[in-house]
Amino acid sequence: MTAASLSGQRPHWRSLIARGTFVVILLTMGAMGMVCWSASERAIHPPMHGYKWSLASYPDLHPQLINFQAGDGAVLEGRIFNGVKPAVIILSHGYGDNQDQTLPFAHFLHAAGYSVLTYNMRSRGHSGGFAVSLGALEQNDLISAVDFLRRNPATEKAAIGAWGVSLGGATSILAAARDSRIGAVVDDSGFSDAPNVISTGFEHFIHLPAFPFAPLTVWISEERVGADINDVRPMDVVSRISPRPIFFIHCLGDTLVPPDNTERNFARAAEPKQEWLIPGGAHAMAHTIRRAEYEQRVVAFFDRWLLSGEGKAGS
């Protein structure tokens, strides 16, 4: 074979290599896209958690079943447990959870005399709504619950507090920053910003490493949900809650939503504010490991700020 013929074949082989590389890249991108689409499905439609308890476990809780409409038309289901005090506490559950998660908290707050509203966030239980959005749309749902209470003759003049755990805690911050009718907030294990919690929780919930899958998964999820999940940043708006009070609770052993999330939120919150960091404990386990103290602190907080002359904000 002559040098001339060899030189004539080189462009052919280079072309084949270039085409092969392009095909490999396309196949890799396609596979990546399929994996991230599947991951987005798990992210916005997480499996429902189960609990060791149910409504039947609390015979002293007698619910009034309710539903109310969110701003986008989704109908959300909930329960009201009527109490004797002139205040209602709205309880918001965590990611992948439903209103049954909050029953132990409804129990002690109702025993303390409060009316309590629990609800299934969008796409949980029998509530409407296409998907979980990590707080982007859930904050509007919580405000819709406040609207419901103000339309209800039995609660139209009641003081309103908000308690939330994990996603529910972040949602409570976001909603209270926009709605002054929420007079006091308890944030148990909430996150400071969606990018941070996606980074730390992605592998736990989605079962894939955050890099390189999280950015594309989040983008696909945002396109499907129609909301900017990366813009969900409670720490950027928490100061707007002042002069209404906020109480932060977090276990120092939390690896799913690390306690530095609460530290960031607390640092940016304005007075009045308080913080309880509990040694040890996993995510959202404060009530489990310090039950009596937890209940005393939370009831005292709401008594002070919703019932006393010192704090009837948000009415």
Protein backbone atom coordinates (compact mmCIF):
# COMPACT_ATOMS: atom_id res chain seq x y z
CA MET A 1 0.00 0.00 0.00
CA THR A 2 1.45 3.33 -1.04
CA ALA A 3 1.85 6.40 1.15
CA ALA A 4 -0.64 8.15 -1.10
CA SER A 5 -3.32 5.51 -0.48
CA LEU A 6 -2.72 5.64 3.30
CA SER A 7 -3.07 9.38 3.38
CA GLY A 8 -6.30 9.02 1.44
CA GLN A 9 -7.74 6.66 4.05
CA ARG A 10 -6.96 8.84 7.10
CA PRO A 11 -9.86 11.26 6.61
CA HIS A 12 -12.21 8.27 6.31
CA TRP A 13 -11.07 6.81 9.65
CA ARG A 14 -11.15 10.20 11.33
CA SER A 15 -14.70 10.64 10.11
CA LEU A 16 -15.71 7.24 11.50
CA ILE A 17 -14.12 8.04 14.87
CA ALA A 18 -15.85 11.42 15.00
CA ARG A 19 -19.21 9.88 14.12
CA GLY A 20 -18.71 7.10 16.66
CA THR A 21 -17.82 9.60 19.36
CA PHE A 22 -20.89 11.66 18.51
CA VAL A 23 -23.11 8.58 18.72
CA VAL A 24 -21.60 7.62 22.09
CA ILE A 25 -22.21 11.14 23.39
CA LEU A 26 -25.81 11.06 22.16
CA LEU A 27 -26.42 7.65 23.73
CA THR A 28 -24.83 8.80 27.00
CA MET A 29 -26.94 11.95 27.05
CA GLY A 30 -30.04 9.94 26.24
CA ALA A 31 -29.34 7.46 29.02
CA MET A 32 -28.62 10.33 31.40
CA GLY A 33 -31.87 12.01 30.42
CA MET A 34 -33.85 8.81 30.97
CA VAL A 35 -32.27 8.26 34.39
CA CYS A 36 -32.94 11.85 35.43
CA TRP A 37 -36.53 11.71 34.14
CA SER A 38 -37.07 8.64 36.30
CA ALA A 39 -35.38 10.42 39.21
CA SER A 40 -37.64 13.44 38.73
CA GLU A 41 -40.65 11.13 38.93
CA ARG A 42 -39.44 9.87 42.31
CA ALA A 43 -38.67 13.43 43.42
CA ILE A 44 -42.06 14.96 42.64
CA HIS A 45 -44.09 11.84 43.44
CA PRO A 46 -42.29 10.37 46.47
CA PRO A 47 -43.70 7.17 47.97
CA MET A 48 -46.03 7.70 50.91
CA HIS A 49 -44.57 7.04 54.33
CA GLY A 50 -46.35 4.85 56.86
CA TYR A 51 -46.69 5.41 60.61
CA LYS A 52 -47.08 3.32 63.74
CA TRP A 53 -50.18 5.35 64.60
CA SER A 54 -53.42 6.46 62.97
CA LEU A 55 -56.36 8.64 63.91
CA ALA A 56 -57.79 5.65 65.80
CA SER A 57 -54.74 5.80 68.08
CA TYR A 58 -56.02 9.11 69.47
CA PRO A 59 -59.62 8.55 70.63
CA ASP A 60 -59.73 12.00 72.22
CA LEU A 61 -59.24 13.65 68.81
CA HIS A 62 -62.58 14.14 67.08
CA PRO A 63 -61.97 15.55 63.59
CA GLN A 64 -64.17 17.70 61.46
CA LEU A 65 -63.26 16.68 57.91
CA ILE A 66 -62.65 19.65 55.64
CA ASN A 67 -61.41 20.55 52.20
CA PHE A 68 -60.30 23.84 50.74
CA GLN A 69 -59.12 25.05 47.38
CA ALA A 70 -55.58 26.14 46.65
CA GLY A 71 -54.83 29.09 44.43
CA ASP A 72 -54.29 26.92 41.37
CA GLY A 73 -57.59 25.12 41.88
CA ALA A 74 -56.23 21.99 43.58
CA VAL A 75 -58.58 20.77 46.32
CA LEU A 76 -56.77 19.86 49.54
CA GLU A 77 -58.20 17.64 52.24
CA GLY A 78 -57.74 18.17 55.95
CA ARG A 79 -59.10 17.92 59.46
CA ILE A 80 -59.94 20.39 62.20
CA PHE A 81 -59.82 19.38 65.85
CA ASN A 82 -61.74 22.07 67.72
CA GLY A 83 -60.29 23.32 71.01
CA VAL A 84 -61.30 25.80 73.69
CA LYS A 85 -58.59 28.42 73.23
CA PRO A 86 -59.17 31.30 70.78
CA ALA A 87 -56.34 30.19 68.49
CA VAL A 88 -55.74 27.62 65.74
CA ILE A 89 -52.42 25.95 64.95
CA ILE A 90 -51.92 24.78 61.34
CA LEU A 91 -49.67 21.73 61.14
CA SER A 92 -47.68 21.06 57.95
CA HIS A 93 -46.12 17.64 57.38
CA GLY A 94 -42.84 16.66 55.77
CA TYR A 95 -41.69 15.52 52.33
CA GLY A 96 -43.22 12.19 51.36
CA ASP A 97 -45.50 12.33 54.39
CA ASN A 98 -49.17 13.09 54.98
CA GLN A 99 -51.29 14.63 57.71
CA ASP A 100 -51.17 11.47 59.83
CA GLN A 101 -47.51 12.29 60.53
CA THR A 102 -48.68 15.30 62.54
CA LEU A 103 -51.18 13.45 64.76
CA PRO A 104 -48.83 13.23 67.80
CA PHE A 105 -48.39 17.01 67.60
CA ALA A 106 -52.10 17.63 67.08
CA HIS A 107 -52.70 15.49 70.16
CA PHE A 108 -50.61 17.51 72.61
CA LEU A 109 -51.63 20.88 71.16
CA HIS A 110 -55.30 19.94 71.34
CA ALA A 111 -54.79 18.66 74.91
CA ALA A 112 -53.40 22.12 75.69
CA GLY A 113 -56.67 23.65 74.46
CA TYR A 114 -55.79 24.67 70.92
CA SER A 115 -57.84 24.10 67.82
CA VAL A 116 -55.63 22.31 65.31
CA LEU A 117 -55.86 22.13 61.51
CA THR A 118 -53.96 19.35 59.73
CA TYR A 119 -54.01 18.84 55.98
CA ASN A 120 -52.51 16.76 53.21
CA MET A 121 -50.25 18.89 51.07
CA ARG A 122 -50.71 18.74 47.30
CA SER A 123 -50.26 15.33 45.74
CA ARG A 124 -50.45 13.67 49.19
CA GLY A 125 -53.28 11.47 50.40
CA HIS A 126 -56.42 12.40 48.51
CA SER A 127 -55.42 16.03 48.00
CA GLY A 128 -55.26 17.34 44.45
CA GLY A 129 -52.29 18.89 42.76
CA PHE A 130 -49.95 17.28 40.27
CA ALA A 131 -46.77 16.96 42.30
CA VAL A 132 -44.68 17.78 45.35
CA SER A 133 -42.66 20.93 44.66
CA LEU A 134 -40.37 21.24 47.72
CA GLY A 135 -42.18 24.33 48.99
CA ALA A 136 -42.52 26.29 45.76
CA LEU A 137 -46.28 25.65 45.58
CA GLU A 138 -46.86 24.29 49.09
CA GLN A 139 -46.42 27.76 50.58
CA ASN A 140 -49.48 28.85 48.60
CA ASP A 141 -51.39 25.86 49.94
CA LEU A 142 -50.65 26.89 53.53
CA ILE A 143 -51.88 30.41 52.79
CA SER A 144 -55.04 28.83 51.35
CA ALA A 145 -55.52 27.05 54.70
CA VAL A 146 -55.33 30.45 56.41
CA ASP A 147 -57.94 31.75 53.95
CA PHE A 148 -60.17 28.81 54.87
CA LEU A 149 -59.90 29.62 58.58
CA ARG A 150 -60.77 33.25 57.97
CA ARG A 151 -63.86 32.23 55.98
CA ASN A 152 -65.02 29.82 58.68
CA PRO A 153 -67.31 31.59 61.22
CA ALA A 154 -65.91 29.45 64.04
CA THR A 155 -62.31 30.56 63.38
CA GLU A 156 -62.59 33.85 61.52
CA LYS A 157 -61.30 35.84 64.52
CA ALA A 158 -58.99 33.24 66.03
CA ALA A 159 -55.25 33.83 66.28
CA ILE A 160 -53.35 31.58 63.87
CA GLY A 161 -50.06 29.82 64.47
CA ALA A 162 -48.09 27.58 62.13
CA TRP A 163 -46.02 24.55 63.05
CA GLY A 164 -44.17 22.51 60.45
CA VAL A 165 -41.64 19.70 60.29
CA SER A 166 -38.93 19.35 57.63
CA LEU A 167 -40.55 20.46 54.34
CA GLY A 168 -43.49 21.64 56.45
CA GLY A 169 -41.15 23.82 58.53
CA ALA A 170 -39.65 25.45 55.44
CA THR A 171 -43.15 25.88 54.01
CA SER A 172 -44.31 27.57 57.22
CA ILE A 173 -41.46 30.08 57.00
CA LEU A 174 -42.18 30.83 53.35
CA ALA A 175 -45.92 31.30 53.96
CA ALA A 176 -45.55 33.38 57.13
CA ALA A 177 -43.06 35.66 55.36
CA ARG A 178 -45.86 36.51 52.90
CA ASP A 179 -48.93 36.38 55.16
CA SER A 180 -49.04 38.44 58.35
CA ARG A 181 -52.19 36.62 59.48
CA ILE A 182 -49.87 33.85 60.69
CA GLY A 183 -49.02 35.14 64.13
CA ALA A 184 -46.30 32.74 65.28
CA VAL A 185 -44.20 30.00 63.67
CA VAL A 186 -42.50 26.83 64.92
CA ASP A 187 -40.01 25.40 62.43
CA ASP A 188 -38.91 21.86 63.32
CA SER A 189 -36.00 20.67 61.17
CA GLY A 190 -36.77 22.89 58.18
CA PHE A 191 -34.23 23.63 55.46
CA SER A 192 -32.65 26.97 54.61
CA ASP A 193 -32.61 26.68 50.81
CA ALA A 194 -33.62 24.08 48.27
CA PRO A 195 -30.22 23.74 46.54
CA ASN A 196 -28.61 22.88 49.86
CA VAL A 197 -31.18 20.31 50.92
CA ILE A 198 -31.25 18.78 47.42
CA SER A 199 -27.49 18.30 47.64
CA THR A 200 -27.62 16.61 51.06
CA GLY A 201 -30.87 14.68 50.63
CA PHE A 202 -30.78 13.66 46.97
CA GLU A 203 -29.04 10.32 47.45
CA HIS A 204 -31.26 9.41 50.43
CA PHE A 205 -34.54 10.10 48.66
CA ILE A 206 -33.70 9.48 44.99
CA HIS A 207 -31.02 6.78 45.48
CA LEU A 208 -28.59 8.41 43.06
CA PRO A 209 -25.47 10.49 43.74
CA ALA A 210 -26.15 14.22 43.70
CA PHE A 211 -23.44 14.72 41.08
CA PRO A 212 -24.00 14.55 38.18
CA PHE A 213 -27.70 13.67 38.44
CA ALA A 214 -29.19 16.35 40.74
CA PRO A 215 -28.94 19.44 38.47
CA LEU A 216 -30.63 17.79 35.48
CA THR A 217 -33.20 16.07 37.73
CA VAL A 218 -34.12 19.38 39.33
CA TRP A 219 -34.40 21.07 35.92
CA ILE A 220 -36.69 18.33 34.63
CA SER A 221 -38.74 18.49 37.83
CA GLU A 222 -39.10 22.26 37.52
CA GLU A 223 -40.30 21.93 33.94
CA ARG A 224 -42.83 19.29 34.92
CA VAL A 225 -44.11 21.12 38.01
CA GLY A 226 -43.99 24.62 36.53
CA ALA A 227 -42.15 26.12 39.50
CA ASP A 228 -38.62 27.30 40.25
CA ILE A 229 -37.54 24.84 42.92
CA ASN A 230 -34.02 26.25 43.17
CA ASP A 231 -35.52 29.61 44.12
CA VAL A 232 -37.09 28.14 47.27
CA ARG A 233 -34.92 29.80 49.91
CA PRO A 234 -36.53 30.29 53.35
CA MET A 235 -33.39 31.96 54.69
CA ASP A 236 -33.85 34.80 52.19
CA VAL A 237 -37.32 35.70 53.46
CA VAL A 238 -37.36 34.63 57.12
CA SER A 239 -36.59 38.16 58.34
CA ARG A 240 -39.94 39.32 56.93
CA ILE A 241 -41.77 37.39 59.66
CA SER A 242 -40.66 39.90 62.29
CA PRO A 243 -42.17 41.38 64.47
CA ARG A 244 -44.01 38.08 64.71
CA PRO A 245 -42.01 35.38 66.54
CA ILE A 246 -40.38 32.22 65.23
CA PHE A 247 -39.08 29.22 67.18
CA PHE A 248 -36.47 26.97 65.53
CA ILE A 249 -35.97 23.36 66.64
CA HIS A 250 -33.32 20.99 65.26
CA CYS A 251 -31.49 17.82 66.28
CA LEU A 252 -27.73 18.17 66.06
CA GLY A 253 -27.43 14.58 64.81
CA ASP A 254 -29.54 15.26 61.73
CA THR A 255 -27.64 14.22 58.60
CA LEU A 256 -30.58 14.45 56.18
CA VAL A 257 -31.27 18.15 56.76
CA PRO A 258 -28.16 19.11 58.72
CA PRO A 259 -28.58 21.60 61.59
CA ASP A 260 -26.58 24.25 59.76
CA ASN A 261 -29.81 24.83 57.82
CA THR A 262 -31.45 26.08 61.01
CA GLU A 263 -28.33 28.04 61.91
CA ARG A 264 -28.59 29.92 58.61
CA ASN A 265 -32.30 30.55 59.09
CA PHE A 266 -31.81 31.66 62.69
CA ALA A 267 -28.95 34.00 61.77
CA ARG A 268 -31.13 35.77 59.20
CA ALA A 269 -34.32 35.86 61.25
CA ALA A 270 -35.13 39.09 63.09
CA GLU A 271 -36.37 39.33 66.67
CA PRO A 272 -38.31 37.91 68.34
CA LYS A 273 -36.74 34.53 67.72
CA GLN A 274 -35.58 31.53 69.70
CA GLU A 275 -33.65 28.37 68.96
CA TRP A 276 -33.45 24.93 70.53
CA LEU A 277 -30.65 22.69 69.27
CA ILE A 278 -30.88 19.19 70.71
CA PRO A 279 -27.78 16.99 71.11
CA GLY A 280 -27.96 13.81 69.07
CA GLY A 281 -31.15 12.73 67.36
CA ALA A 282 -31.79 12.01 63.69
CA HIS A 283 -33.90 14.05 61.29
CA ALA A 284 -37.16 15.36 62.79
CA MET A 285 -36.72 13.25 65.93
CA ALA A 286 -36.84 16.03 68.54
CA HIS A 287 -40.33 15.17 69.76
CA THR A 288 -39.45 11.47 69.91
CA ILE A 289 -36.31 11.85 72.03
CA ARG A 290 -37.35 14.85 74.16
CA ARG A 291 -41.14 14.50 74.18
CA ALA A 292 -42.07 16.15 77.49
CA GLU A 293 -39.71 19.09 77.06
CA TYR A 294 -40.70 19.50 73.42
CA GLU A 295 -44.38 19.73 74.27
CA GLN A 296 -43.78 22.12 77.14
CA ARG A 297 -41.63 24.44 75.03
CA VAL A 298 -43.97 24.51 72.03
CA VAL A 299 -47.13 25.06 74.09
CA ALA A 300 -45.40 27.80 76.11
CA PHE A 301 -44.30 29.48 72.87
CA PHE A 302 -47.80 29.56 71.40
CA ASP A 303 -49.36 30.55 74.75
CA ARG A 304 -47.02 33.50 74.99
CA TRP A 305 -47.34 34.79 71.46
CA LEU A 306 -50.86 33.86 70.41
CA LEU A 307 -52.80 34.27 73.65
CA SER A 308 -51.07 36.84 75.83
CA GLY A 309 -51.15 40.58 75.35
CA GLU A 310 -47.48 40.32 74.40
CA GLY A 311 -48.09 38.64 71.10
CA LYS A 312 -51.45 38.72 69.38
CA ALA A 313 -49.85 39.38 66.01
CA GLY A 314 -51.35 38.09 62.84
CA SER A 315 -55.00 38.42 63.78
